[in-house]
């Protein structure tokens, strides 16, 4: 089938490349001429494991193309996906749908013959209705079916998630559109990936509900971690104990410095605003948002306490900047709040991240950046593990200690067993465990 992906950001590029890998003919469109030119040369603007190979192989095979020409691409398409950004709107937290609606207008002017228009972007309930209205107003003769098909991709594992999804949610009751979408996802039939067809508004709500629930699960275990620290429990064992219950499951029960990224912060806030507008407030999600925001700042206080209650003039080494490993995404990363709070208290901050430093430098130019973990550990008064990259899981702890001024490790991801670190002469502070030392 001939597919068009409007938007070549994270969702559009991953989806377009994977659809092409299925054998479809895909055109990815973007208004950024420099980005399109780079993509044509095989240069990927984001870090996602395996994406560069899929893009390059399918571009070489002629199944994946990049252009700024929306009109001619849409004219020839069977399915047009809208995969543009929907950032939080400044001032009120609602999703900014201006890019979605702008794409709908351009589609309306270009479309010919029966075409399925799919909102792949994360959008509030009712957006599909408005997209359809815009297209009808712009082109009353347009023969289109507007469908909701939210993405459920985890950054760092997006290729696997796309090709082996837990479910594919498709919101439409139009028979022709149902058949077209079955054909779009037919290559996944062999994997027995369930296709869930439902009403368009139900599909839109499913995406927000899923992300809000996962964010709530993370926030729950983080609060349990705080209680463990007060009462002498071990949050990792608590998480294992409840995670073995199949009704709960073990995913998203890893205590840490709070959630970040491009989805959870934006989507939980948008759902809160949508619910408030519908006069059906979601108190659990409102609390989740507030607790998560407070937690990031609390992590800085944990670092300060580990340094004896004062960090002015002290050097703090930060391991990991991105909101999670295997991505270069710095959006809403806990490291930002932690670092800013430490700087406000007079600390000198050095940081290292395998993929996130280029983005971080534009956001935090006032801190120092190193070439590796050992580089930033030199003469540090404490080292703080913020993002659990694989290369941080097997550090030479003895070497780290020899480089530091004071042997203090604040492990905000519980990567290292406390007894192992304490045995090396460190003061160890983790999450959901009472602080311990070698004393």
Protein backbone atom coordinates (compact mmCIF):
# COMPACT_ATOMS: atom_id res chain seq x y z
CA UNK A 1 0.00 0.00 0.00
CA UNK A 2 1.00 3.62 -0.48
CA UNK A 3 1.38 5.33 2.88
CA UNK A 4 2.23 8.92 3.74
CA UNK A 5 3.57 9.95 7.14
CA UNK A 6 3.17 13.69 7.84
CA UNK A 7 5.85 14.48 10.38
CA UNK A 8 9.30 12.88 10.49
CA UNK A 9 9.90 13.17 14.20
CA UNK A 10 10.11 10.27 16.59
CA UNK A 11 6.71 8.71 15.92
CA UNK A 12 6.58 9.48 12.21
CA UNK A 13 10.08 8.30 11.41
CA UNK A 14 9.90 5.08 13.42
CA UNK A 15 6.42 4.24 12.10
CA UNK A 16 7.30 5.12 8.51
CA UNK A 17 10.50 3.09 8.55
CA UNK A 18 8.79 0.06 10.08
CA UNK A 19 5.86 0.22 7.65
CA UNK A 20 8.39 0.31 4.81
CA UNK A 21 10.12 -2.68 6.34
CA UNK A 22 6.78 -4.49 6.12
CA UNK A 23 6.83 -3.90 2.35
CA UNK A 24 4.61 -0.83 2.05
CA UNK A 25 5.63 2.19 -0.04
CA UNK A 26 6.13 5.01 2.43
CA UNK A 27 6.75 8.72 2.01
CA UNK A 28 7.76 10.69 5.11
CA UNK A 29 7.03 14.41 4.92
CA UNK A 30 8.51 17.21 6.96
CA UNK A 31 8.53 21.00 6.66
CA UNK A 32 12.17 21.15 7.78
CA UNK A 33 14.20 21.09 4.55
CA UNK A 34 17.48 20.46 6.40
CA UNK A 35 16.00 17.45 8.20
CA UNK A 36 14.67 16.02 4.93
CA UNK A 37 18.02 16.53 3.23
CA UNK A 38 19.80 14.80 6.11
CA UNK A 39 17.37 11.88 6.06
CA UNK A 40 17.94 11.44 2.34
CA UNK A 41 21.63 11.08 3.16
CA UNK A 42 20.87 8.47 5.80
CA UNK A 43 21.48 10.78 8.76
CA UNK A 44 19.02 10.08 11.58
CA UNK A 45 18.06 13.11 13.73
CA UNK A 46 17.23 11.02 16.81
CA UNK A 47 18.94 8.17 18.64
CA UNK A 48 16.88 4.99 18.57
CA UNK A 49 18.62 1.59 18.51
CA UNK A 50 18.26 -0.10 15.11
CA UNK A 51 16.45 2.77 13.41
CA UNK A 52 19.37 3.87 11.24
CA UNK A 53 19.71 0.42 9.66
CA UNK A 54 15.99 0.15 8.89
CA UNK A 55 15.87 3.64 7.38
CA UNK A 56 18.95 3.09 5.24
CA UNK A 57 17.97 -0.37 3.97
CA UNK A 58 14.42 0.62 3.03
CA UNK A 59 15.53 3.89 1.45
CA UNK A 60 18.02 1.92 -0.63
CA UNK A 61 15.24 -0.48 -1.66
CA UNK A 62 13.05 2.44 -2.76
CA UNK A 63 10.29 1.74 -0.25
CA UNK A 64 11.05 4.73 2.00
CA UNK A 65 11.30 8.29 0.71
CA UNK A 66 11.57 11.73 2.28
CA UNK A 67 10.21 14.99 0.95
CA UNK A 68 8.76 18.38 1.82
CA UNK A 69 6.16 18.03 -0.94
CA UNK A 70 2.95 17.17 0.88
CA UNK A 71 0.45 17.77 -1.90
CA UNK A 72 1.70 15.33 -4.52
CA UNK A 73 2.46 12.68 -1.89
CA UNK A 74 -1.04 12.86 -0.38
CA UNK A 75 -2.64 12.84 -3.80
CA UNK A 76 -1.19 9.40 -4.54
CA UNK A 77 -1.70 7.88 -1.07
CA UNK A 78 -4.06 5.18 0.16
CA UNK A 79 -3.47 6.15 3.78
CA UNK A 80 -2.20 9.42 5.26
CA UNK A 81 -0.91 9.39 8.83
CA UNK A 82 -0.75 12.60 10.86
CA UNK A 83 2.28 12.19 13.13
CA UNK A 84 3.12 15.77 14.06
CA UNK A 85 3.92 17.05 17.52
CA UNK A 86 1.28 17.84 20.14
CA UNK A 87 3.31 19.61 22.85
CA UNK A 88 1.73 20.99 26.01
CA UNK A 89 0.29 24.41 25.30
CA UNK A 90 1.89 27.19 27.27
CA UNK A 91 -0.31 28.62 29.97
CA UNK A 92 -2.95 25.93 30.40
CA UNK A 93 -1.28 22.56 29.79
CA UNK A 94 -3.69 21.46 27.07
CA UNK A 95 -2.25 19.67 24.05
CA UNK A 96 -1.32 22.11 21.28
CA UNK A 97 -3.19 20.79 18.25
CA UNK A 98 -2.24 23.54 15.81
CA UNK A 99 0.12 21.23 13.87
CA UNK A 100 -2.53 18.50 13.65
CA UNK A 101 -5.17 20.89 12.36
CA UNK A 102 -2.71 22.50 9.96
CA UNK A 103 -1.93 19.07 8.52
CA UNK A 104 -5.65 18.34 8.16
CA UNK A 105 -6.14 21.49 6.09
CA UNK A 106 -3.27 20.62 3.78
CA UNK A 107 -4.55 17.07 3.38
CA UNK A 108 -8.00 18.37 2.46
CA UNK A 109 -6.59 20.53 -0.33
CA UNK A 110 -4.56 17.70 -1.83
CA UNK A 111 -6.56 14.51 -1.34
CA UNK A 112 -7.99 12.62 -4.33
CA UNK A 113 -10.11 9.46 -4.30
CA UNK A 114 -10.96 7.47 -1.19
CA UNK A 115 -8.28 8.05 1.42
CA UNK A 116 -7.97 7.01 5.03
CA UNK A 117 -6.63 9.83 7.22
CA UNK A 118 -5.13 8.52 10.45
CA UNK A 119 -4.25 10.50 13.56
CA UNK A 120 -1.09 8.82 14.87
CA UNK A 121 -0.20 11.78 17.06
CA UNK A 122 -1.33 11.64 20.68
CA UNK A 123 -4.46 13.78 20.73
CA UNK A 124 -7.28 14.54 23.20
CA UNK A 125 -10.70 12.98 22.85
CA UNK A 126 -12.67 14.61 20.05
CA UNK A 127 -9.68 15.61 17.94
CA UNK A 128 -10.66 13.17 15.20
CA UNK A 129 -14.07 14.84 15.01
CA UNK A 130 -12.42 18.21 14.50
CA UNK A 131 -9.99 16.84 11.90
CA UNK A 132 -12.95 15.45 9.98
CA UNK A 133 -14.81 18.76 10.24
CA UNK A 134 -11.79 20.69 8.97
CA UNK A 135 -11.38 18.39 5.98
CA UNK A 136 -15.10 18.62 5.13
CA UNK A 137 -15.04 22.42 5.41
CA UNK A 138 -11.91 22.74 3.27
CA UNK A 139 -13.03 20.20 0.68
CA UNK A 140 -16.71 19.15 0.83
CA UNK A 141 -16.12 16.59 -1.93
CA UNK A 142 -13.28 14.80 -0.17
CA UNK A 143 -13.88 11.07 0.13
CA UNK A 144 -12.08 10.38 3.40
CA UNK A 145 -12.44 8.36 6.56
CA UNK A 146 -10.74 9.79 9.66
CA UNK A 147 -9.30 7.10 11.92
CA UNK A 148 -7.56 7.14 15.31
CA UNK A 149 -4.54 4.83 15.61
CA UNK A 150 -2.46 5.84 18.66
CA UNK A 151 1.15 4.74 19.04
CA UNK A 152 2.45 2.82 22.04
CA UNK A 153 6.19 3.06 21.43
CA UNK A 154 8.77 3.10 24.19
CA UNK A 155 11.80 5.20 23.42
CA UNK A 156 14.80 2.89 23.26
CA UNK A 157 12.65 -0.10 22.27
CA UNK A 158 10.48 1.44 19.56
CA UNK A 159 11.38 -0.94 16.73
CA UNK A 160 10.47 -3.99 18.80
CA UNK A 161 7.32 -2.32 20.07
CA UNK A 162 6.18 -1.50 16.54
CA UNK A 163 6.93 -4.92 15.10
CA UNK A 164 5.77 -6.98 18.08
CA UNK A 165 3.08 -4.85 19.69
CA UNK A 166 0.92 -5.87 22.63
CA UNK A 167 -2.06 -4.48 20.74
CA UNK A 168 -2.98 -2.22 17.84
CA UNK A 169 -5.86 0.11 18.65
CA UNK A 170 -7.84 1.43 15.68
CA UNK A 171 -10.71 3.85 16.17
CA UNK A 172 -13.22 3.77 13.32
CA UNK A 173 -16.64 2.32 12.52
CA UNK A 174 -16.37 2.96 8.78
CA UNK A 175 -16.31 -0.43 6.98
CA UNK A 176 -13.99 0.72 4.19
CA UNK A 177 -11.53 2.18 6.68
CA UNK A 178 -11.58 -1.00 8.77
CA UNK A 179 -10.59 -3.06 5.74
CA UNK A 180 -7.83 -0.63 4.75
CA UNK A 181 -6.36 -0.64 8.26
CA UNK A 182 -6.44 -4.44 8.31
CA UNK A 183 -4.33 -4.38 5.17
CA UNK A 184 -1.93 -1.82 6.62
CA UNK A 185 -1.22 -4.07 9.60
CA UNK A 186 -1.59 -7.40 7.77
CA UNK A 187 2.18 -8.12 8.01
CA UNK A 188 1.76 -8.40 11.79
CA UNK A 189 -0.77 -11.20 11.44
CA UNK A 190 1.96 -13.81 11.75
CA UNK A 191 2.88 -12.37 15.17
CA UNK A 192 -0.77 -12.64 16.24
CA UNK A 193 -0.78 -9.02 17.33
CA UNK A 194 -4.36 -8.24 18.39
CA UNK A 195 -6.19 -5.59 16.37
CA UNK A 196 -8.65 -3.79 18.62
CA UNK A 197 -11.30 -1.95 16.62
CA UNK A 198 -13.41 0.55 18.53
CA UNK A 199 -15.05 3.96 18.28
CA UNK A 200 -12.74 6.84 17.38
CA UNK A 201 -13.16 8.62 20.72
CA UNK A 202 -12.53 5.39 22.62
CA UNK A 203 -9.27 4.94 20.74
CA UNK A 204 -8.16 8.50 21.52
CA UNK A 205 -8.91 8.03 25.21
CA UNK A 206 -7.13 4.66 25.35
CA UNK A 207 -3.74 6.25 24.65
CA UNK A 208 -4.06 8.82 27.44
CA UNK A 209 -5.49 6.27 29.86
CA UNK A 210 -2.59 3.87 29.23
CA UNK A 211 0.11 6.49 29.81
CA UNK A 212 -1.65 7.94 32.85
CA UNK A 213 -1.96 4.50 34.43
CA UNK A 214 1.73 3.72 33.88
CA UNK A 215 2.74 7.12 35.23
CA UNK A 216 0.57 6.47 38.27
CA UNK A 217 2.21 3.06 38.77
CA UNK A 218 5.69 4.66 38.73
CA UNK A 219 4.59 7.35 41.16
CA UNK A 220 3.03 4.75 43.47
CA UNK A 221 6.23 2.73 43.80
CA UNK A 222 8.24 5.93 44.32
CA UNK A 223 6.04 6.83 47.28
CA UNK A 224 6.41 3.28 48.62
CA UNK A 225 10.18 3.80 48.29
CA UNK A 226 9.97 6.89 50.51
CA UNK A 227 8.03 4.90 53.09
CA UNK A 228 10.63 2.11 52.94
CA UNK A 229 13.36 4.61 53.75
CA UNK A 230 11.42 5.79 56.81
CA UNK A 231 10.49 2.34 58.09
CA UNK A 232 13.54 0.30 57.14
CA UNK A 233 12.08 -1.66 54.23
CA UNK A 234 13.62 -2.49 50.86
CA UNK A 235 11.57 -1.16 47.95
CA UNK A 236 13.08 -3.57 45.43
CA UNK A 237 11.88 -6.54 47.46
CA UNK A 238 8.49 -4.89 47.97
CA UNK A 239 8.24 -4.35 44.21
CA UNK A 240 9.11 -7.96 43.54
CA UNK A 241 6.61 -9.12 46.13
CA UNK A 242 3.72 -7.20 44.62
CA UNK A 243 4.89 -7.58 41.01
CA UNK A 244 4.58 -11.37 41.20
CA UNK A 245 0.85 -10.84 41.59
CA UNK A 246 -0.42 -11.24 38.02
CA UNK A 247 -3.11 -8.66 38.67
CA UNK A 248 -0.37 -6.08 39.24
CA UNK A 249 2.60 -7.26 37.17
CA UNK A 250 6.25 -6.27 37.58
CA UNK A 251 6.52 -3.60 34.87
CA UNK A 252 6.91 0.06 35.86
CA UNK A 253 7.60 -0.83 39.48
CA UNK A 254 11.21 0.36 39.54
CA UNK A 255 11.61 3.17 42.04
CA UNK A 256 13.64 6.12 40.86
CA UNK A 257 13.86 9.90 40.55
CA UNK A 258 10.50 10.31 38.78
CA UNK A 259 9.22 9.90 35.24
CA UNK A 260 10.07 12.19 32.33
CA UNK A 261 10.26 12.07 28.56
CA UNK A 262 8.01 13.12 25.73
CA UNK A 263 4.87 11.20 26.73
CA UNK A 264 4.05 10.79 30.41
CA UNK A 265 4.44 14.42 31.57
CA UNK A 266 2.60 15.83 28.55
CA UNK A 267 -0.12 13.20 28.38
CA UNK A 268 -0.98 13.13 32.07
CA UNK A 269 -1.31 16.90 32.10
CA UNK A 270 -3.46 16.88 28.95
CA UNK A 271 -5.73 14.21 30.44
CA UNK A 272 -6.11 16.25 33.63
CA UNK A 273 -7.11 19.32 31.61
CA UNK A 274 -9.49 17.34 29.41
CA UNK A 275 -11.17 15.82 32.45
CA UNK A 276 -11.51 19.21 34.13
CA UNK A 277 -13.13 20.66 31.00
CA UNK A 278 -15.56 17.72 30.98
CA UNK A 279 -16.40 18.40 34.65
CA UNK A 280 -15.07 14.95 35.53
CA UNK A 281 -11.84 15.66 37.45
CA UNK A 282 -9.30 12.85 37.77
CA UNK A 283 -7.92 13.29 41.27
CA UNK A 284 -5.58 10.30 41.05
CA UNK A 285 -3.86 11.67 37.95
CA UNK A 286 -3.77 15.22 39.32
CA UNK A 287 -1.97 13.86 42.38
CA UNK A 288 0.35 11.76 40.21
CA UNK A 289 1.46 14.88 38.31
CA UNK A 290 2.04 16.86 41.52
CA UNK A 291 3.90 14.04 43.30
CA UNK A 292 6.17 13.43 40.30
CA UNK A 293 7.09 17.12 40.02
CA UNK A 294 7.91 17.27 43.71
CA UNK A 295 9.93 14.07 43.57
CA UNK A 296 12.47 15.42 41.09
CA UNK A 297 13.28 18.30 43.43
CA UNK A 298 13.39 15.90 46.39
CA UNK A 299 16.17 13.95 44.66
CA UNK A 300 18.41 17.00 44.82
CA UNK A 301 17.73 17.23 48.56
CA UNK A 302 18.75 13.57 48.86
CA UNK A 303 22.08 14.36 47.17
CA UNK A 304 22.64 17.35 49.42
CA UNK A 305 21.92 15.25 52.53
CA UNK A 306 24.38 12.60 51.34
CA UNK A 307 27.01 15.36 51.14
CA UNK A 308 26.49 16.32 54.77
CA UNK A 309 23.78 18.89 54.18
CA UNK A 310 25.90 21.34 52.17
CA UNK A 311 27.08 21.32 48.54
CA UNK A 312 28.28 24.89 48.10
CA UNK A 313 31.66 24.74 46.38
CA UNK A 314 31.49 20.96 46.10
CA UNK A 315 31.78 19.05 42.83
CA UNK A 316 28.91 16.70 42.04
CA UNK A 317 29.31 14.21 39.19
CA UNK A 318 26.10 13.22 37.37
CA UNK A 319 25.95 9.89 35.54
CA UNK A 320 23.16 10.00 32.98
CA UNK A 321 21.14 12.94 31.69
CA UNK A 322 18.40 11.54 29.44
CA UNK A 323 15.09 10.59 31.03
CA UNK A 324 15.81 6.90 30.33
CA UNK A 325 18.57 4.85 28.67
CA UNK A 326 18.80 4.13 24.93
CA UNK A 327 17.50 7.52 23.88
CA UNK A 328 18.85 11.04 23.45
CA UNK A 329 15.59 12.57 24.70
CA UNK A 330 16.08 15.19 27.41
CA UNK A 331 12.46 16.31 27.64
CA UNK A 332 11.29 16.56 31.26
CA UNK A 333 14.30 14.48 32.35
CA UNK A 334 14.71 14.29 36.15
CA UNK A 335 18.37 15.24 35.71
CA UNK A 336 17.34 18.79 34.74
CA UNK A 337 15.53 19.50 38.02
CA UNK A 338 18.23 17.78 40.06
CA UNK A 339 21.08 19.67 38.44
CA UNK A 340 19.32 23.03 38.64
CA UNK A 341 18.60 22.56 42.33
CA UNK A 342 22.24 21.62 43.00
CA UNK A 343 23.50 24.66 41.10
CA UNK A 344 21.08 26.87 43.07
CA UNK A 345 22.75 25.56 46.23
CA UNK A 346 26.21 26.47 44.94
CA UNK A 347 27.40 23.11 43.65
CA UNK A 348 29.78 22.63 40.72
CA UNK A 349 28.20 20.04 38.45
CA UNK A 350 29.91 17.75 35.97
CA UNK A 351 27.93 15.33 33.82
CA UNK A 352 28.29 12.52 31.33
CA UNK A 353 25.71 10.74 29.18
CA UNK A 354 26.34 8.40 26.22
CA UNK A 355 23.79 10.12 23.95
CA UNK A 356 22.20 13.09 25.66
CA UNK A 357 24.99 15.63 26.06
CA UNK A 358 24.43 17.49 22.81
CA UNK A 359 20.83 18.25 23.76
CA UNK A 360 21.77 18.87 27.39
CA UNK A 361 24.40 21.47 26.49
CA UNK A 362 21.78 23.68 24.87
CA UNK A 363 19.63 23.45 28.02
CA UNK A 364 22.36 23.55 30.68
CA UNK A 365 25.43 25.30 29.26
CA UNK A 366 26.61 26.27 32.74
CA UNK A 367 27.71 22.76 33.75
CA UNK A 368 30.81 20.82 32.75
CA UNK A 369 30.59 17.77 30.47
CA UNK A 370 33.02 14.86 30.50
CA UNK A 371 34.12 12.18 28.06
CA UNK A 372 33.30 9.19 30.28
CA UNK A 373 32.31 8.31 33.87
CA UNK A 374 35.91 8.39 35.10
CA UNK A 375 36.50 11.81 33.61
CA UNK A 376 33.71 13.41 35.66
CA UNK A 377 34.59 11.45 38.84
CA UNK A 378 37.95 13.19 39.19
CA UNK A 379 38.03 15.19 42.47
CA UNK A 380 34.25 14.85 42.87
CA UNK A 381 32.65 15.07 46.30
CA UNK A 382 29.80 12.77 45.23
CA UNK A 383 28.74 10.82 42.17
CA UNK A 384 25.02 10.52 41.36
CA UNK A 385 23.65 7.80 39.08
CA UNK A 386 20.55 9.30 37.46
CA UNK A 387 20.01 7.26 34.26
CA UNK A 388 20.66 3.51 34.20
CA UNK A 389 22.62 3.20 30.95
CA UNK A 390 24.17 -0.25 30.48
CA UNK A 391 27.69 1.15 30.57
CA UNK A 392 27.05 2.40 34.11
CA UNK A 393 26.14 -1.08 35.37
CA UNK A 394 29.69 -2.44 35.47
CA UNK A 395 31.87 0.51 36.41
CA UNK A 396 35.28 -0.04 37.95
CA UNK A 397 34.19 1.08 41.40
CA UNK A 398 37.70 0.94 42.79
CA UNK A 399 38.94 3.24 40.05
CA UNK A 400 36.01 5.61 40.62
CA UNK A 401 36.85 5.80 44.33
CA UNK A 402 40.52 6.49 43.64
CA UNK A 403 39.58 9.48 41.52
CA UNK A 404 37.07 11.05 43.88
CA UNK A 405 37.72 13.53 46.67
CA UNK A 406 34.99 11.94 48.81
CA UNK A 407 33.64 8.40 48.21
CA UNK A 408 29.91 9.09 48.09
CA UNK A 409 27.57 7.30 45.66
CA UNK A 410 23.93 8.33 45.35
CA UNK A 411 22.31 5.60 43.27
CA UNK A 412 18.92 6.93 42.16
CA UNK A 413 18.23 3.80 40.09
CA UNK A 414 19.36 1.11 42.59
CA UNK A 415 21.77 -0.29 40.02
CA UNK A 416 24.37 -1.42 42.56
CA UNK A 417 23.87 -3.66 45.61
CA UNK A 418 24.59 -1.49 48.67
CA UNK A 419 26.88 -4.05 50.31
CA UNK A 420 29.07 -4.15 47.19
CA UNK A 421 29.53 -0.38 47.24
CA UNK A 422 30.00 -0.16 51.00
CA UNK A 423 32.66 -2.88 50.82
CA UNK A 424 34.61 -0.61 48.47
CA UNK A 425 34.65 2.12 51.12
CA UNK A 426 31.80 4.26 49.81
CA UNK A 427 28.98 5.96 51.58
CA UNK A 428 25.97 4.58 49.70
CA UNK A 429 22.56 6.18 49.33
CA UNK A 430 19.91 4.43 47.25
CA UNK A 431 16.18 4.68 46.65
CA UNK A 432 13.76 3.01 49.04
CA UNK A 433 16.46 1.85 51.42
CA UNK A 434 17.78 3.42 54.59
CA UNK A 435 21.08 5.28 53.95
CA UNK A 436 24.15 3.22 54.89
CA UNK A 437 27.87 3.80 55.04
CA UNK A 438 31.08 1.97 55.82
CA UNK A 439 31.06 3.32 59.36
